[in-house]
Amino acid sequence: MNTKEKRLTSLRINNNLYEFLKKEAIKSNRSFNNYIETILLDATGYSIPNSETISAMEELKNNSENLDSVSNPSELKGYLKNLLDE
């Protein structure tokens, strides 16, 4: 089962704002909680990496000593060209 980690939290907001958000959630065919979470994600620019990105991040963290390095930025163009030509 694929479950996401969530934290239960309490939030005090203006009653009129609550009613407005509740109606907007219904119009968007979302639960109130999902609607609030979506608004917060959009407003903050926070993004949740997908499983492929998480795997790549873990691989980088665990194998950084095996990576090629480019010490001079002007070498980067040639390095990338070599990678693409392989």
N, C-alpha and C. Protein backbone atom coordinates (compact mmCIF):
# COMPACT_ATOMS: atom_id res chain seq x y z
N MET A 1 0.84 -1.17 0.00
CA MET A 1 0.00 0.00 0.00
C MET A 1 0.89 1.24 0.00
N ASN A 2 0.62 2.19 -0.88
CA ASN A 2 1.40 3.40 -1.00
C ASN A 2 0.75 4.52 -0.19
N THR A 3 1.26 4.75 1.01
CA THR A 3 0.69 5.80 1.85
C THR A 3 1.64 6.97 1.92
N LYS A 4 1.09 8.15 2.01
CA LYS A 4 1.89 9.35 2.12
C LYS A 4 1.92 9.78 3.57
N GLU A 5 3.05 10.32 3.96
CA GLU A 5 3.17 10.81 5.33
C GLU A 5 2.43 12.13 5.44
N LYS A 6 1.54 12.20 6.39
CA LYS A 6 0.76 13.42 6.63
C LYS A 6 0.82 13.73 8.11
N ARG A 7 0.72 14.99 8.42
CA ARG A 7 0.71 15.43 9.81
C ARG A 7 -0.62 16.11 10.09
N LEU A 8 -1.25 15.68 11.15
CA LEU A 8 -2.49 16.29 11.59
C LEU A 8 -2.18 17.64 12.21
N THR A 9 -2.90 18.67 11.78
CA THR A 9 -2.67 20.00 12.32
C THR A 9 -3.99 20.73 12.49
N SER A 10 -3.98 21.71 13.33
CA SER A 10 -5.16 22.53 13.58
C SER A 10 -4.87 23.94 13.09
N LEU A 11 -5.87 24.57 12.51
CA LEU A 11 -5.68 25.90 11.95
C LEU A 11 -6.88 26.77 12.29
N ARG A 12 -6.62 27.93 12.82
CA ARG A 12 -7.71 28.87 13.11
C ARG A 12 -7.79 29.87 11.97
N ILE A 13 -8.96 29.93 11.33
CA ILE A 13 -9.16 30.91 10.27
C ILE A 13 -10.52 31.57 10.44
N ASN A 14 -10.66 32.70 9.83
CA ASN A 14 -11.90 33.45 9.85
C ASN A 14 -13.04 32.57 9.34
N ASN A 15 -14.19 32.63 10.00
CA ASN A 15 -15.33 31.79 9.64
C ASN A 15 -15.79 32.03 8.20
N ASN A 16 -15.82 33.29 7.77
CA ASN A 16 -16.23 33.58 6.39
C ASN A 16 -15.23 33.00 5.39
N LEU A 17 -13.95 33.07 5.71
CA LEU A 17 -12.93 32.48 4.85
C LEU A 17 -13.11 30.97 4.78
N TYR A 18 -13.38 30.36 5.91
CA TYR A 18 -13.61 28.91 5.95
C TYR A 18 -14.77 28.53 5.03
N GLU A 19 -15.88 29.23 5.13
CA GLU A 19 -17.05 28.93 4.30
C GLU A 19 -16.73 29.13 2.82
N PHE A 20 -16.00 30.18 2.51
CA PHE A 20 -15.61 30.43 1.12
C PHE A 20 -14.74 29.30 0.59
N LEU A 21 -13.72 28.91 1.36
CA LEU A 21 -12.82 27.84 0.94
C LEU A 21 -13.55 26.51 0.80
N LYS A 22 -14.48 26.27 1.69
CA LYS A 22 -15.27 25.03 1.64
C LYS A 22 -16.06 24.97 0.33
N LYS A 23 -16.68 26.09 -0.06
CA LYS A 23 -17.45 26.14 -1.32
C LYS A 23 -16.53 25.97 -2.53
N GLU A 24 -15.36 26.60 -2.47
CA GLU A 24 -14.40 26.47 -3.57
C GLU A 24 -13.91 25.03 -3.71
N ALA A 25 -13.72 24.37 -2.59
CA ALA A 25 -13.29 22.96 -2.62
C ALA A 25 -14.36 22.10 -3.28
N ILE A 26 -15.61 22.35 -2.94
CA ILE A 26 -16.72 21.60 -3.55
C ILE A 26 -16.77 21.86 -5.05
N LYS A 27 -16.62 23.12 -5.45
CA LYS A 27 -16.62 23.46 -6.88
C LYS A 27 -15.49 22.77 -7.62
N SER A 28 -14.37 22.59 -6.94
CA SER A 28 -13.19 21.94 -7.55
C SER A 28 -13.22 20.43 -7.41
N ASN A 29 -14.32 19.92 -6.83
CA ASN A 29 -14.47 18.48 -6.61
C ASN A 29 -13.32 17.91 -5.78
N ARG A 30 -12.96 18.65 -4.72
CA ARG A 30 -11.88 18.24 -3.82
C ARG A 30 -12.40 18.26 -2.39
N SER A 31 -11.71 17.52 -1.56
CA SER A 31 -12.01 17.63 -0.13
C SER A 31 -11.46 18.97 0.36
N PHE A 32 -11.97 19.42 1.48
CA PHE A 32 -11.49 20.68 2.05
C PHE A 32 -9.99 20.59 2.31
N ASN A 33 -9.56 19.50 2.92
CA ASN A 33 -8.15 19.32 3.24
C ASN A 33 -7.28 19.35 1.98
N ASN A 34 -7.70 18.61 0.95
CA ASN A 34 -6.93 18.57 -0.29
C ASN A 34 -6.88 19.94 -0.95
N TYR A 35 -7.98 20.66 -0.90
CA TYR A 35 -8.03 22.00 -1.50
C TYR A 35 -7.05 22.94 -0.80
N ILE A 36 -7.04 22.93 0.53
CA ILE A 36 -6.12 23.78 1.30
C ILE A 36 -4.67 23.39 1.00
N GLU A 37 -4.39 22.09 0.98
CA GLU A 37 -3.04 21.63 0.71
C GLU A 37 -2.58 22.06 -0.69
N THR A 38 -3.47 21.96 -1.67
CA THR A 38 -3.15 22.36 -3.03
C THR A 38 -2.86 23.86 -3.11
N ILE A 39 -3.67 24.66 -2.45
CA ILE A 39 -3.44 26.11 -2.42
C ILE A 39 -2.08 26.42 -1.80
N LEU A 40 -1.75 25.76 -0.71
CA LEU A 40 -0.47 26.00 -0.04
C LEU A 40 0.71 25.57 -0.91
N LEU A 41 0.57 24.44 -1.58
CA LEU A 41 1.64 23.98 -2.48
C LEU A 41 1.86 24.97 -3.61
N ASP A 42 0.77 25.44 -4.21
CA ASP A 42 0.87 26.41 -5.31
C ASP A 42 1.44 27.74 -4.83
N ALA A 43 0.99 28.21 -3.69
CA ALA A 43 1.41 29.52 -3.18
C ALA A 43 2.87 29.55 -2.77
N THR A 44 3.38 28.44 -2.27
CA THR A 44 4.76 28.42 -1.79
C THR A 44 5.75 27.93 -2.83
N GLY A 45 5.27 27.31 -3.89
CA GLY A 45 6.17 26.77 -4.90
C GLY A 45 6.81 25.46 -4.48
N TYR A 46 6.36 24.91 -3.36
CA TYR A 46 6.90 23.64 -2.87
C TYR A 46 6.45 22.52 -3.80
N SER A 47 7.38 21.64 -4.13
CA SER A 47 7.00 20.50 -4.96
C SER A 47 7.51 19.22 -4.32
N ILE A 48 6.75 18.19 -4.48
CA ILE A 48 7.08 16.90 -3.91
C ILE A 48 7.72 16.07 -5.02
N PRO A 49 8.99 15.67 -4.85
CA PRO A 49 9.65 14.90 -5.92
C PRO A 49 9.00 13.53 -6.11
N ASN A 50 8.98 13.09 -7.38
CA ASN A 50 8.43 11.76 -7.66
C ASN A 50 9.46 10.69 -7.30
N SER A 51 9.07 9.43 -7.39
CA SER A 51 9.94 8.34 -6.93
C SER A 51 11.23 8.25 -7.74
N GLU A 52 11.18 8.57 -9.04
CA GLU A 52 12.39 8.53 -9.86
C GLU A 52 13.39 9.60 -9.40
N THR A 53 12.88 10.78 -9.10
CA THR A 53 13.74 11.86 -8.62
C THR A 53 14.33 11.51 -7.25
N ILE A 54 13.51 10.95 -6.38
CA ILE A 54 14.00 10.54 -5.06
C ILE A 54 15.10 9.51 -5.19
N SER A 55 14.92 8.53 -6.09
CA SER A 55 15.95 7.51 -6.32
C SER A 55 17.24 8.14 -6.82
N ALA A 56 17.13 9.09 -7.74
CA ALA A 56 18.32 9.76 -8.27
C ALA A 56 19.02 10.56 -7.18
N MET A 57 18.26 11.20 -6.31
CA MET A 57 18.84 11.96 -5.21
C MET A 57 19.58 11.04 -4.25
N GLU A 58 18.99 9.88 -3.95
CA GLU A 58 19.63 8.90 -3.06
C GLU A 58 20.91 8.37 -3.69
N GLU A 59 20.85 8.08 -5.00
CA GLU A 59 22.03 7.57 -5.69
C GLU A 59 23.15 8.60 -5.65
N LEU A 60 22.81 9.85 -5.87
CA LEU A 60 23.81 10.92 -5.82
C LEU A 60 24.42 11.03 -4.42
N LYS A 61 23.56 10.96 -3.41
CA LYS A 61 24.03 11.08 -2.03
C LYS A 61 24.97 9.93 -1.67
N ASN A 62 24.65 8.72 -2.14
CA ASN A 62 25.42 7.54 -1.77
C ASN A 62 26.64 7.27 -2.65
N ASN A 63 26.68 7.86 -3.84
CA ASN A 63 27.77 7.55 -4.78
C ASN A 63 28.45 8.79 -5.33
N SER A 64 28.47 9.86 -4.60
CA SER A 64 29.02 11.11 -5.12
C SER A 64 30.52 11.00 -5.44
N GLU A 65 31.23 10.10 -4.77
CA GLU A 65 32.66 9.97 -5.03
C GLU A 65 32.94 9.37 -6.41
N ASN A 66 31.96 8.72 -7.03
CA ASN A 66 32.14 8.11 -8.34
C ASN A 66 31.76 9.04 -9.49
N LEU A 67 31.36 10.26 -9.18
CA LEU A 67 30.93 11.18 -10.22
C LEU A 67 32.12 11.88 -10.86
N ASP A 68 31.98 12.17 -12.15
CA ASP A 68 32.99 12.98 -12.83
C ASP A 68 32.84 14.42 -12.34
N SER A 69 33.93 15.14 -12.33
CA SER A 69 33.84 16.55 -11.94
C SER A 69 34.42 17.43 -13.03
N VAL A 70 33.88 18.61 -13.12
CA VAL A 70 34.37 19.61 -14.06
C VAL A 70 34.84 20.78 -13.22
N SER A 71 36.16 21.01 -13.22
CA SER A 71 36.70 22.06 -12.35
C SER A 71 36.62 23.44 -12.99
N ASN A 72 36.58 23.49 -14.31
CA ASN A 72 36.54 24.76 -15.01
C ASN A 72 35.22 24.84 -15.80
N PRO A 73 34.40 25.84 -15.55
CA PRO A 73 33.11 25.92 -16.25
C PRO A 73 33.23 25.92 -17.78
N SER A 74 34.34 26.42 -18.30
CA SER A 74 34.50 26.42 -19.76
C SER A 74 34.66 25.00 -20.31
N GLU A 75 35.07 24.05 -19.46
CA GLU A 75 35.19 22.66 -19.89
C GLU A 75 33.83 21.96 -19.98
N LEU A 76 32.83 22.55 -19.37
CA LEU A 76 31.52 21.90 -19.28
C LEU A 76 30.91 21.64 -20.65
N LYS A 77 31.02 22.59 -21.56
CA LYS A 77 30.42 22.42 -22.89
C LYS A 77 31.03 21.21 -23.60
N GLY A 78 32.35 21.08 -23.55
CA GLY A 78 33.01 19.94 -24.17
C GLY A 78 32.65 18.63 -23.49
N TYR A 79 32.56 18.67 -22.17
CA TYR A 79 32.19 17.48 -21.40
C TYR A 79 30.79 17.00 -21.79
N LEU A 80 29.85 17.93 -21.87
CA LEU A 80 28.48 17.57 -22.25
C LEU A 80 28.42 17.06 -23.68
N LYS A 81 29.19 17.67 -24.58
CA LYS A 81 29.22 17.21 -25.98
C LYS A 81 29.73 15.77 -26.04
N ASN A 82 30.78 15.46 -25.28
CA ASN A 82 31.30 14.09 -25.25
C ASN A 82 30.26 13.11 -24.74
N LEU A 83 29.52 13.49 -23.73
CA LEU A 83 28.47 12.62 -23.20
C LEU A 83 27.40 12.34 -24.25
N LEU A 84 27.02 13.38 -24.99
CA LEU A 84 25.97 13.22 -26.00
C LEU A 84 26.45 12.41 -27.20
N ASP A 85 27.75 12.49 -27.51
CA ASP A 85 28.30 11.77 -28.65
C ASP A 85 28.51 10.29 -28.37
N GLU A 86 28.53 9.90 -27.10
CA GLU A 86 28.77 8.49 -26.75
C GLU A 86 27.62 7.61 -27.14
